[in-house]
Amino acid sequence: MVDPGIHAEMALLIQREQELERRRIKVAKDLVLWKKRIGLAEQKGKLSLAAQAEERLRTLQDEDREMATEIESIAMQKSHLRYESRRPSGDEVVRAETMVEMAKLSGLLPDDDREIAAGQDEAEGRYDDMELDFSSE
C-alpha cells in the first residue's frame, strides 16, 4: 500500500509535469513564430523590430531551458518517491525479523554467522566436486 502522503506528492508532481509539457509545446510554437518574425523584419530592413524580436526569442529560449530543467528535477523527485514507496515500513521490518527468529528457533536456520559461513563453504565444496565429476566424463 502506498503512503497517502507519497501518493499526494506524486500526483502534484505529475500535474506540474503535464502543465510544463503543455507550456513547452506552446513555447516551441512561439519560438518558430519569433524566428520567422526576425527574418521578416530583417528582410524589410526594420532592424529595431528585428532586435526586439530577437530579445523575445532569447526570452522564450531561456524559459524553455528553465522548464526542461524543472521537468528533469520532477523526474528525479518522482523516482525518489517511487523508491521511498517501496521501502519497507517499520512494521514490515519487525515482522521479517520475527520470522527469521522463529525459523532459527525451529532449527530451519543456523543460529549464527559462523554456521552460515560453514554451510556455504560446504556447499561450494560440493559444487566444485560436481564440476570435477562432469569434466572427467
Protein backbone atom coordinates (compact mmCIF):
# COMPACT_ATOMS: atom_id res chain seq x y z
CA MET A 1 0.00 0.00 0.00
CA VAL A 2 1.31 3.41 -0.94
CA ASP A 3 1.63 6.04 1.76
CA PRO A 4 -1.09 8.69 1.21
CA GLY A 5 1.46 11.48 1.57
CA ILE A 6 3.67 9.98 -1.13
CA HIS A 7 0.62 9.42 -3.34
CA ALA A 8 -0.49 13.05 -2.99
CA GLU A 9 3.00 14.39 -3.65
CA MET A 10 3.35 12.17 -6.72
CA ALA A 11 0.01 13.43 -8.04
CA LEU A 12 1.15 17.05 -7.64
CA LEU A 13 4.42 16.31 -9.41
CA ILE A 14 2.64 14.63 -12.31
CA GLN A 15 0.22 17.52 -12.58
CA ARG A 16 3.07 20.05 -12.63
CA GLU A 17 5.00 17.97 -15.17
CA GLN A 18 1.99 17.84 -17.51
CA GLU A 19 1.50 21.58 -17.13
CA LEU A 20 5.14 22.20 -18.04
CA GLU A 21 4.95 19.86 -21.04
CA ARG A 22 1.89 21.74 -22.37
CA ARG A 23 3.67 25.05 -21.82
CA ARG A 24 6.80 23.79 -23.62
CA ILE A 25 4.71 22.85 -26.65
CA LYS A 26 3.31 26.39 -26.75
CA VAL A 27 6.77 27.89 -26.32
CA ALA A 28 8.12 25.70 -29.14
CA LYS A 29 5.43 27.08 -31.45
CA ASP A 30 6.22 30.62 -30.30
CA LEU A 31 9.93 30.05 -30.98
CA VAL A 32 9.18 29.17 -34.60
CA LEU A 33 6.93 32.25 -34.92
CA TRP A 34 9.52 34.65 -33.48
CA LYS A 35 12.29 33.22 -35.69
CA LYS A 36 10.09 33.94 -38.70
CA ARG A 37 9.42 37.45 -37.41
CA ILE A 38 13.14 38.10 -37.07
CA GLY A 39 13.71 37.03 -40.67
CA LEU A 40 10.79 39.10 -41.91
CA ALA A 41 11.91 42.21 -40.01
CA GLU A 42 15.45 41.84 -41.38
CA GLN A 43 14.10 41.43 -44.94
CA LYS A 44 12.09 44.63 -44.56
CA GLY A 45 15.12 46.46 -43.12
CA LYS A 46 13.44 47.09 -39.77
CA LEU A 47 16.47 46.45 -37.58
CA SER A 48 14.96 47.76 -34.34
CA LEU A 49 11.95 45.49 -34.85
CA ALA A 50 14.32 42.57 -35.56
CA ALA A 51 16.26 43.36 -32.37
CA GLN A 52 13.03 43.33 -30.35
CA ALA A 53 12.05 40.01 -31.91
CA GLU A 54 15.50 38.58 -31.10
CA GLU A 55 15.10 39.69 -27.49
CA ARG A 56 11.71 37.97 -27.32
CA LEU A 57 13.25 34.85 -28.91
CA ARG A 58 16.04 34.76 -26.29
CA THR A 59 13.47 35.15 -23.52
CA LEU A 60 11.48 32.21 -24.88
CA GLN A 61 14.63 30.09 -25.23
CA ASP A 62 15.56 30.83 -21.61
CA GLU A 63 12.05 29.97 -20.50
CA ASP A 64 12.19 26.68 -22.44
CA ARG A 65 15.53 25.75 -20.82
CA GLU A 66 14.15 26.52 -17.36
CA MET A 67 11.11 24.35 -17.99
CA ALA A 68 13.29 21.49 -19.28
CA THR A 69 15.40 21.73 -16.12
CA GLU A 70 12.31 21.70 -13.93
CA ILE A 71 10.93 18.67 -15.79
CA GLU A 72 14.22 16.85 -15.15
CA SER A 73 14.01 17.79 -11.49
CA ILE A 74 10.45 16.48 -11.32
CA ALA A 75 11.56 13.20 -12.90
CA MET A 76 14.22 12.82 -10.20
CA GLN A 77 11.71 13.63 -7.46
CA LYS A 78 9.25 11.09 -8.86
CA SER A 79 12.00 8.46 -8.97
CA HIS A 80 12.86 9.21 -5.34
CA LEU A 81 9.20 8.93 -4.33
CA ARG A 82 8.89 5.57 -6.11
CA TYR A 83 11.96 4.41 -4.17
CA GLU A 84 10.50 5.69 -0.90
CA SER A 85 7.17 4.00 -1.55
CA ARG A 86 8.92 0.63 -1.97
CA ARG A 87 10.97 0.86 1.21
CA PRO A 88 9.68 -1.39 3.94
CA SER A 89 7.89 0.26 6.81
CA GLY A 90 8.90 -0.34 10.41
CA ASP A 91 6.14 -2.95 10.81
CA GLU A 92 7.41 -4.98 7.85
CA VAL A 93 10.96 -4.99 9.21
CA VAL A 94 9.80 -6.14 12.65
CA ARG A 95 7.67 -8.87 11.07
CA ALA A 96 10.62 -10.10 8.95
CA GLU A 97 12.94 -10.14 11.97
CA THR A 98 10.34 -12.09 13.93
CA MET A 99 10.02 -14.63 11.12
CA VAL A 100 13.80 -15.09 10.95
CA GLU A 101 13.94 -15.57 14.72
CA MET A 102 11.13 -18.16 14.57
CA ALA A 103 12.97 -20.02 11.79
CA LYS A 104 16.16 -20.06 13.89
CA LEU A 105 14.28 -21.37 16.93
CA SER A 106 12.68 -24.12 14.86
CA GLY A 107 16.09 -25.19 13.54
CA LEU A 108 15.43 -24.20 9.93
CA LEU A 109 18.15 -21.54 10.04
CA PRO A 110 21.57 -21.64 11.73
CA ASP A 111 21.92 -19.55 14.88
CA ASP A 112 24.99 -17.56 13.98
CA ASP A 113 27.09 -16.33 11.08
CA ARG A 114 29.83 -18.95 11.60
CA GLU A 115 27.37 -21.74 10.96
CA ILE A 116 26.11 -19.95 7.86
CA ALA A 117 29.65 -19.49 6.54
CA ALA A 118 30.46 -23.15 7.24
CA GLY A 119 27.35 -24.20 5.33
CA GLN A 120 28.32 -22.00 2.40
CA ASP A 121 31.85 -23.44 2.34
CA GLU A 122 30.44 -26.97 2.40
CA ALA A 123 28.03 -26.17 -0.45
CA GLU A 124 30.82 -24.62 -2.52
CA GLY A 125 32.96 -27.69 -1.95
CA ARG A 126 30.16 -29.96 -3.17
CA TYR A 127 29.70 -27.73 -6.22
CA ASP A 128 33.44 -27.92 -7.01
CA ASP A 129 33.27 -31.73 -6.71
CA MET A 130 30.34 -31.78 -9.12
CA GLU A 131 32.30 -29.71 -11.63
CA LEU A 132 35.19 -32.17 -11.43
CA ASP A 133 32.82 -35.11 -11.95
CA PHE A 134 31.34 -33.50 -15.07
CA SER A 135 34.71 -32.53 -16.52
CA SER A 136 36.07 -36.08 -16.16
CA GLU A 137 33.15 -37.59 -18.14
